[in-house]
């Protein structure tokens, strides 16, 4: 299970959401 939080935004990925490991690009911009 993977969960990331930034500036009031949360993304939660259950186990095996993806097929492989990788680096997620997670950005929070204005508005």
ModelCIF file with pLDDT and N, C-alpha, C, O atoms, coordinates in Angstrom:
data_MODEL
#
_entry.id   MODEL 
#
_entity.id                         1 
_entity.type                       polymer 
_entity.pdbx_number_of_molecules   1 
#
_entity_poly.entity_id                      1 
_entity_poly.type                           'polypeptide(L)' 
_entity_poly.nstd_linkage                   no 
_entity_poly.nstd_monomer                   no 
_entity_poly.pdbx_seq_one_letter_code       
;(UNK)(UNK)(UNK)(UNK)(UNK)(UNK)(UNK)(UNK)(UNK)(UNK)(UNK)(UNK)(UNK)(UNK)(UNK)(UNK)
(UNK)(UNK)(UNK)(UNK)(UNK)(UNK)(UNK)(UNK)(UNK)(UNK)(UNK)(UNK)(UNK)(UNK)(UNK)
;
_entity_poly.pdbx_seq_one_letter_code_can   XXXXXXXXXXXXXXXXXXXXXXXXXXXXXXX 
_entity_poly.pdbx_strand_id                 A 
#
loop_
_entity_poly_seq.entity_id 
_entity_poly_seq.num 
_entity_poly_seq.mon_id 
_entity_poly_seq.hetero 
1 1  UNK n 
1 2  UNK n 
1 3  UNK n 
1 4  UNK n 
1 5  UNK n 
1 6  UNK n 
1 7  UNK n 
1 8  UNK n 
1 9  UNK n 
1 10 UNK n 
1 11 UNK n 
1 12 UNK n 
1 13 UNK n 
1 14 UNK n 
1 15 UNK n 
1 16 UNK n 
1 17 UNK n 
1 18 UNK n 
1 19 UNK n 
1 20 UNK n 
1 21 UNK n 
1 22 UNK n 
1 23 UNK n 
1 24 UNK n 
1 25 UNK n 
1 26 UNK n 
1 27 UNK n 
1 28 UNK n 
1 29 UNK n 
1 30 UNK n 
1 31 UNK n 
#
_struct_asym.id          A 
_struct_asym.entity_id   1 
#
loop_
_ma_qa_metric.id 
_ma_qa_metric.mode 
_ma_qa_metric.name 
_ma_qa_metric.software_group_id 
_ma_qa_metric.type 
1 global pLDDT . pLDDT 
2 local  pLDDT . pLDDT 
#
_ma_qa_metric_global.metric_id      1 
_ma_qa_metric_global.metric_value   96.19 
_ma_qa_metric_global.model_id       1 
_ma_qa_metric_global.ordinal_id     1 
#
loop_
_ma_qa_metric_local.label_asym_id 
_ma_qa_metric_local.label_comp_id 
_ma_qa_metric_local.label_seq_id 
_ma_qa_metric_local.metric_id 
_ma_qa_metric_local.metric_value 
_ma_qa_metric_local.model_id 
_ma_qa_metric_local.ordinal_id 
A UNK 1  2 98.00 1 1  
A UNK 2  2 98.00 1 2  
A UNK 3  2 98.00 1 3  
A UNK 4  2 98.00 1 4  
A UNK 5  2 97.00 1 5  
A UNK 6  2 96.00 1 6  
A UNK 7  2 95.00 1 7  
A UNK 8  2 95.00 1 8  
A UNK 9  2 97.00 1 9  
A UNK 10 2 98.00 1 10 
A UNK 11 2 98.00 1 11 
A UNK 12 2 98.00 1 12 
A UNK 13 2 98.00 1 13 
A UNK 14 2 98.00 1 14 
A UNK 15 2 98.00 1 15 
A UNK 16 2 98.00 1 16 
A UNK 17 2 98.00 1 17 
A UNK 18 2 98.00 1 18 
A UNK 19 2 98.00 1 19 
A UNK 20 2 97.00 1 20 
A UNK 21 2 97.00 1 21 
A UNK 22 2 97.00 1 22 
A UNK 23 2 98.00 1 23 
A UNK 24 2 98.00 1 24 
A UNK 25 2 97.00 1 25 
A UNK 26 2 98.00 1 26 
A UNK 27 2 97.00 1 27 
A UNK 28 2 96.00 1 28 
A UNK 29 2 91.00 1 29 
A UNK 30 2 83.00 1 30 
A UNK 31 2 81.00 1 31 
#
loop_
_atom_site.group_PDB 
_atom_site.id 
_atom_site.type_symbol 
_atom_site.label_atom_id 
_atom_site.label_alt_id 
_atom_site.label_comp_id 
_atom_site.label_asym_id 
_atom_site.label_entity_id 
_atom_site.label_seq_id 
_atom_site.pdbx_PDB_ins_code 
_atom_site.Cartn_x 
_atom_site.Cartn_y 
_atom_site.Cartn_z 
_atom_site.occupancy 
_atom_site.B_iso_or_equiv 
_atom_site.pdbx_formal_charge 
_atom_site.auth_seq_id 
_atom_site.auth_comp_id 
_atom_site.auth_asym_id 
_atom_site.auth_atom_id 
_atom_site.pdbx_PDB_model_num 
ATOM 1   N N  . UNK A 1 1  ? 0.850  -1.194 0.000   1.00 98.00 ? 1  UNK A N  1 
ATOM 2   C CA . UNK A 1 1  ? 0.000  0.000  0.000   1.00 98.00 ? 1  UNK A CA 1 
ATOM 3   C C  . UNK A 1 1  ? 0.883  1.240  0.000   1.00 98.00 ? 1  UNK A C  1 
ATOM 4   O O  . UNK A 1 1  ? 1.838  1.331  0.771   1.00 98.00 ? 1  UNK A O  1 
ATOM 5   N N  . UNK A 1 2  ? 0.556  2.207  -0.881  1.00 98.00 ? 2  UNK A N  1 
ATOM 6   C CA . UNK A 1 2  ? 1.307  3.460  -0.974  1.00 98.00 ? 2  UNK A CA 1 
ATOM 7   C C  . UNK A 1 2  ? 0.365  4.639  -0.768  1.00 98.00 ? 2  UNK A C  1 
ATOM 8   O O  . UNK A 1 2  ? -0.713 4.685  -1.361  1.00 98.00 ? 2  UNK A O  1 
ATOM 9   N N  . UNK A 1 3  ? 0.766  5.594  0.073   1.00 98.00 ? 3  UNK A N  1 
ATOM 10  C CA . UNK A 1 3  ? -0.024 6.805  0.268   1.00 98.00 ? 3  UNK A CA 1 
ATOM 11  C C  . UNK A 1 3  ? 0.917  8.004  0.335   1.00 98.00 ? 3  UNK A C  1 
ATOM 12  O O  . UNK A 1 3  ? 1.950  7.961  1.003   1.00 98.00 ? 3  UNK A O  1 
ATOM 13  N N  . UNK A 1 4  ? 0.544  9.073  -0.367  1.00 98.00 ? 4  UNK A N  1 
ATOM 14  C CA . UNK A 1 4  ? 1.348  10.298 -0.383  1.00 98.00 ? 4  UNK A CA 1 
ATOM 15  C C  . UNK A 1 4  ? 0.436  11.493 -0.158  1.00 98.00 ? 4  UNK A C  1 
ATOM 16  O O  . UNK A 1 4  ? -0.699 11.529 -0.633  1.00 98.00 ? 4  UNK A O  1 
ATOM 17  N N  . UNK A 1 5  ? 0.963  12.487 0.591   1.00 97.00 ? 5  UNK A N  1 
ATOM 18  C CA . UNK A 1 5  ? 0.186  13.686 0.899   1.00 97.00 ? 5  UNK A CA 1 
ATOM 19  C C  . UNK A 1 5  ? 0.998  14.926 0.568   1.00 97.00 ? 5  UNK A C  1 
ATOM 20  O O  . UNK A 1 5  ? 2.211  14.971 0.770   1.00 97.00 ? 5  UNK A O  1 
ATOM 21  N N  . UNK A 1 6  ? 0.290  15.942 0.047   1.00 96.00 ? 6  UNK A N  1 
ATOM 22  C CA . UNK A 1 6  ? 0.965  17.195 -0.271  1.00 96.00 ? 6  UNK A CA 1 
ATOM 23  C C  . UNK A 1 6  ? -0.062 18.310 -0.409  1.00 96.00 ? 6  UNK A C  1 
ATOM 24  O O  . UNK A 1 6  ? -0.983 18.208 -1.219  1.00 96.00 ? 6  UNK A O  1 
ATOM 25  N N  . UNK A 1 7  ? 0.088  19.368 0.371   1.00 95.00 ? 7  UNK A N  1 
ATOM 26  C CA . UNK A 1 7  ? -0.729 20.586 0.262   1.00 95.00 ? 7  UNK A CA 1 
ATOM 27  C C  . UNK A 1 7  ? -2.223 20.303 0.222   1.00 95.00 ? 7  UNK A C  1 
ATOM 28  O O  . UNK A 1 7  ? -2.939 20.860 -0.610  1.00 95.00 ? 7  UNK A O  1 
ATOM 29  N N  . UNK A 1 8  ? -2.695 19.446 1.110   1.00 95.00 ? 8  UNK A N  1 
ATOM 30  C CA . UNK A 1 8  ? -4.123 19.166 1.204   1.00 95.00 ? 8  UNK A CA 1 
ATOM 31  C C  . UNK A 1 8  ? -4.637 18.134 0.232   1.00 95.00 ? 8  UNK A C  1 
ATOM 32  O O  . UNK A 1 8  ? -5.841 17.890 0.159   1.00 95.00 ? 8  UNK A O  1 
ATOM 33  N N  . UNK A 1 9  ? -3.741 17.527 -0.512  1.00 97.00 ? 9  UNK A N  1 
ATOM 34  C CA . UNK A 1 9  ? -4.128 16.491 -1.470  1.00 97.00 ? 9  UNK A CA 1 
ATOM 35  C C  . UNK A 1 9  ? -3.523 15.163 -1.028  1.00 97.00 ? 9  UNK A C  1 
ATOM 36  O O  . UNK A 1 9  ? -2.349 15.106 -0.661  1.00 97.00 ? 9  UNK A O  1 
ATOM 37  N N  . UNK A 1 10 ? -4.319 14.094 -1.060  1.00 98.00 ? 10 UNK A N  1 
ATOM 38  C CA . UNK A 1 10 ? -3.840 12.764 -0.692  1.00 98.00 ? 10 UNK A CA 1 
ATOM 39  C C  . UNK A 1 10 ? -4.119 11.791 -1.827  1.00 98.00 ? 10 UNK A C  1 
ATOM 40  O O  . UNK A 1 10 ? -5.229 11.746 -2.358  1.00 98.00 ? 10 UNK A O  1 
ATOM 41  N N  . UNK A 1 11 ? -3.100 11.008 -2.198  1.00 98.00 ? 11 UNK A N  1 
ATOM 42  C CA . UNK A 1 11 ? -3.301 9.914  -3.148  1.00 98.00 ? 11 UNK A CA 1 
ATOM 43  C C  . UNK A 1 11 ? -2.982 8.619  -2.429  1.00 98.00 ? 11 UNK A C  1 
ATOM 44  O O  . UNK A 1 11 ? -1.938 8.500  -1.789  1.00 98.00 ? 11 UNK A O  1 
ATOM 45  N N  . UNK A 1 12 ? -3.871 7.653  -2.532  1.00 98.00 ? 12 UNK A N  1 
ATOM 46  C CA . UNK A 1 12 ? -3.704 6.366  -1.855  1.00 98.00 ? 12 UNK A CA 1 
ATOM 47  C C  . UNK A 1 12 ? -3.843 5.243  -2.873  1.00 98.00 ? 12 UNK A C  1 
ATOM 48  O O  . UNK A 1 12 ? -4.876 5.106  -3.528  1.00 98.00 ? 12 UNK A O  1 
ATOM 49  N N  . UNK A 1 13 ? -2.784 4.438  -2.999  1.00 98.00 ? 13 UNK A N  1 
ATOM 50  C CA . UNK A 1 13 ? -2.744 3.351  -3.967  1.00 98.00 ? 13 UNK A CA 1 
ATOM 51  C C  . UNK A 1 13 ? -2.758 2.008  -3.235  1.00 98.00 ? 13 UNK A C  1 
ATOM 52  O O  . UNK A 1 13 ? -1.783 1.670  -2.564  1.00 98.00 ? 13 UNK A O  1 
ATOM 53  N N  . UNK A 1 14 ? -3.831 1.243  -3.348  1.00 98.00 ? 14 UNK A N  1 
ATOM 54  C CA . UNK A 1 14 ? -3.861 -0.086 -2.725  1.00 98.00 ? 14 UNK A CA 1 
ATOM 55  C C  . UNK A 1 14 ? -2.756 -0.985 -3.278  1.00 98.00 ? 14 UNK A C  1 
ATOM 56  O O  . UNK A 1 14 ? -2.182 -0.705 -4.330  1.00 98.00 ? 14 UNK A O  1 
ATOM 57  N N  . UNK A 1 15 ? -2.473 -2.039 -2.573  1.00 98.00 ? 15 UNK A N  1 
ATOM 58  C CA . UNK A 1 15 ? -1.491 -3.033 -3.024  1.00 98.00 ? 15 UNK A CA 1 
ATOM 59  C C  . UNK A 1 15 ? -1.853 -3.518 -4.428  1.00 98.00 ? 15 UNK A C  1 
ATOM 60  O O  . UNK A 1 15 ? -3.006 -3.838 -4.718  1.00 98.00 ? 15 UNK A O  1 
ATOM 61  N N  . UNK A 1 16 ? -0.842 -3.561 -5.285  1.00 98.00 ? 16 UNK A N  1 
ATOM 62  C CA . UNK A 1 16 ? -0.988 -4.029 -6.673  1.00 98.00 ? 16 UNK A CA 1 
ATOM 63  C C  . UNK A 1 16 ? -1.887 -3.143 -7.525  1.00 98.00 ? 16 UNK A C  1 
ATOM 64  O O  . UNK A 1 16 ? -2.523 -3.617 -8.467  1.00 98.00 ? 16 UNK A O  1 
ATOM 65  N N  . UNK A 1 17 ? -1.939 -1.844 -7.190  1.00 98.00 ? 17 UNK A N  1 
ATOM 66  C CA . UNK A 1 17 ? -2.591 -0.907 -8.098  1.00 98.00 ? 17 UNK A CA 1 
ATOM 67  C C  . UNK A 1 17 ? -1.833 -0.871 -9.427  1.00 98.00 ? 17 UNK A C  1 
ATOM 68  O O  . UNK A 1 17 ? -2.426 -0.766 -10.501 1.00 98.00 ? 17 UNK A O  1 
ATOM 69  N N  . UNK A 1 18 ? -0.511 -0.962 -9.322  1.00 98.00 ? 18 UNK A N  1 
ATOM 70  C CA . UNK A 1 18 ? 0.352  -0.976 -10.504 1.00 98.00 ? 18 UNK A CA 1 
ATOM 71  C C  . UNK A 1 18 ? 0.987  -2.350 -10.665 1.00 98.00 ? 18 UNK A C  1 
ATOM 72  O O  . UNK A 1 18 ? 0.963  -3.174 -9.751  1.00 98.00 ? 18 UNK A O  1 
ATOM 73  N N  . UNK A 1 19 ? 1.551  -2.578 -11.840 1.00 98.00 ? 19 UNK A N  1 
ATOM 74  C CA . UNK A 1 19 ? 2.176  -3.862 -12.132 1.00 98.00 ? 19 UNK A CA 1 
ATOM 75  C C  . UNK A 1 19 ? 3.662  -3.878 -11.799 1.00 98.00 ? 19 UNK A C  1 
ATOM 76  O O  . UNK A 1 19 ? 4.250  -4.944 -11.613 1.00 98.00 ? 19 UNK A O  1 
ATOM 77  N N  . UNK A 1 20 ? 4.276  -2.686 -11.724 1.00 97.00 ? 20 UNK A N  1 
ATOM 78  C CA . UNK A 1 20 ? 5.709  -2.595 -11.490 1.00 97.00 ? 20 UNK A CA 1 
ATOM 79  C C  . UNK A 1 20 ? 6.021  -1.425 -10.565 1.00 97.00 ? 20 UNK A C  1 
ATOM 80  O O  . UNK A 1 20 ? 5.186  -0.544 -10.361 1.00 97.00 ? 20 UNK A O  1 
ATOM 81  N N  . UNK A 1 21 ? 7.217  -1.424 -10.014 1.00 97.00 ? 21 UNK A N  1 
ATOM 82  C CA . UNK A 1 21 ? 7.700  -0.299 -9.221  1.00 97.00 ? 21 UNK A CA 1 
ATOM 83  C C  . UNK A 1 21 ? 8.105  0.840  -10.158 1.00 97.00 ? 21 UNK A C  1 
ATOM 84  O O  . UNK A 1 21 ? 8.580  0.605  -11.269 1.00 97.00 ? 21 UNK A O  1 
ATOM 85  N N  . UNK A 1 22 ? 7.911  2.081  -9.693  1.00 97.00 ? 22 UNK A N  1 
ATOM 86  C CA . UNK A 1 22 ? 8.381  3.240  -10.464 1.00 97.00 ? 22 UNK A CA 1 
ATOM 87  C C  . UNK A 1 22 ? 8.312  4.483  -9.583  1.00 97.00 ? 22 UNK A C  1 
ATOM 88  O O  . UNK A 1 22 ? 7.777  4.441  -8.475  1.00 97.00 ? 22 UNK A O  1 
ATOM 89  N N  . UNK A 1 23 ? 8.856  5.586  -10.087 1.00 98.00 ? 23 UNK A N  1 
ATOM 90  C CA . UNK A 1 23 ? 8.814  6.856  -9.367  1.00 98.00 ? 23 UNK A CA 1 
ATOM 91  C C  . UNK A 1 23 ? 7.621  7.668  -9.866  1.00 98.00 ? 23 UNK A C  1 
ATOM 92  O O  . UNK A 1 23 ? 7.505  7.968  -11.054 1.00 98.00 ? 23 UNK A O  1 
ATOM 93  N N  . UNK A 1 24 ? 6.740  8.014  -8.931  1.00 98.00 ? 24 UNK A N  1 
ATOM 94  C CA . UNK A 1 24 ? 5.516  8.749  -9.248  1.00 98.00 ? 24 UNK A CA 1 
ATOM 95  C C  . UNK A 1 24 ? 5.801  10.247 -9.318  1.00 98.00 ? 24 UNK A C  1 
ATOM 96  O O  . UNK A 1 24 ? 6.467  10.800 -8.444  1.00 98.00 ? 24 UNK A O  1 
ATOM 97  N N  . UNK A 1 25 ? 5.302  10.886 -10.345 1.00 97.00 ? 25 UNK A N  1 
ATOM 98  C CA . UNK A 1 25 ? 5.343  12.342 -10.440 1.00 97.00 ? 25 UNK A CA 1 
ATOM 99  C C  . UNK A 1 25 ? 4.067  12.885 -9.806  1.00 97.00 ? 25 UNK A C  1 
ATOM 100 O O  . UNK A 1 25 ? 2.985  12.785 -10.385 1.00 97.00 ? 25 UNK A O  1 
ATOM 101 N N  . UNK A 1 26 ? 4.203  13.464 -8.607  1.00 98.00 ? 26 UNK A N  1 
ATOM 102 C CA . UNK A 1 26 ? 3.053  13.944 -7.842  1.00 98.00 ? 26 UNK A CA 1 
ATOM 103 C C  . UNK A 1 26 ? 3.276  15.423 -7.530  1.00 98.00 ? 26 UNK A C  1 
ATOM 104 O O  . UNK A 1 26 ? 4.151  15.773 -6.737  1.00 98.00 ? 26 UNK A O  1 
ATOM 105 N N  . UNK A 1 27 ? 2.473  16.292 -8.163  1.00 97.00 ? 27 UNK A N  1 
ATOM 106 C CA . UNK A 1 27 ? 2.642  17.732 -7.996  1.00 97.00 ? 27 UNK A CA 1 
ATOM 107 C C  . UNK A 1 27 ? 1.303  18.377 -7.663  1.00 97.00 ? 27 UNK A C  1 
ATOM 108 O O  . UNK A 1 27 ? 0.260  17.965 -8.172  1.00 97.00 ? 27 UNK A O  1 
ATOM 109 N N  . UNK A 1 28 ? 1.343  19.392 -6.804  1.00 96.00 ? 28 UNK A N  1 
ATOM 110 C CA . UNK A 1 28 ? 0.163  20.196 -6.497  1.00 96.00 ? 28 UNK A CA 1 
ATOM 111 C C  . UNK A 1 28 ? 0.480  21.634 -6.883  1.00 96.00 ? 28 UNK A C  1 
ATOM 112 O O  . UNK A 1 28 ? 1.411  22.245 -6.359  1.00 96.00 ? 28 UNK A O  1 
ATOM 113 N N  . UNK A 1 29 ? -0.307 22.155 -7.803  1.00 91.00 ? 29 UNK A N  1 
ATOM 114 C CA . UNK A 1 29 ? -0.099 23.505 -8.296  1.00 91.00 ? 29 UNK A CA 1 
ATOM 115 C C  . UNK A 1 29 ? -1.174 24.415 -7.728  1.00 91.00 ? 29 UNK A C  1 
ATOM 116 O O  . UNK A 1 29 ? -1.973 23.982 -6.899  1.00 91.00 ? 29 UNK A O  1 
ATOM 117 N N  . UNK A 1 30 ? -1.206 25.671 -8.160  1.00 83.00 ? 30 UNK A N  1 
ATOM 118 C CA . UNK A 1 30 ? -2.173 26.627 -7.620  1.00 83.00 ? 30 UNK A CA 1 
ATOM 119 C C  . UNK A 1 30 ? -3.601 26.238 -8.005  1.00 83.00 ? 30 UNK A C  1 
ATOM 120 O O  . UNK A 1 30 ? -3.830 25.485 -8.952  1.00 83.00 ? 30 UNK A O  1 
ATOM 121 N N  . UNK A 1 31 ? -4.538 26.769 -7.251  1.00 81.00 ? 31 UNK A N  1 
ATOM 122 C CA . UNK A 1 31 ? -5.972 26.547 -7.498  1.00 81.00 ? 31 UNK A CA 1 
ATOM 123 C C  . UNK A 1 31 ? -6.346 25.071 -7.444  1.00 81.00 ? 31 UNK A C  1 
ATOM 124 O O  . UNK A 1 31 ? -7.512 24.722 -7.631  1.00 81.00 ? 31 UNK A O  1 
#
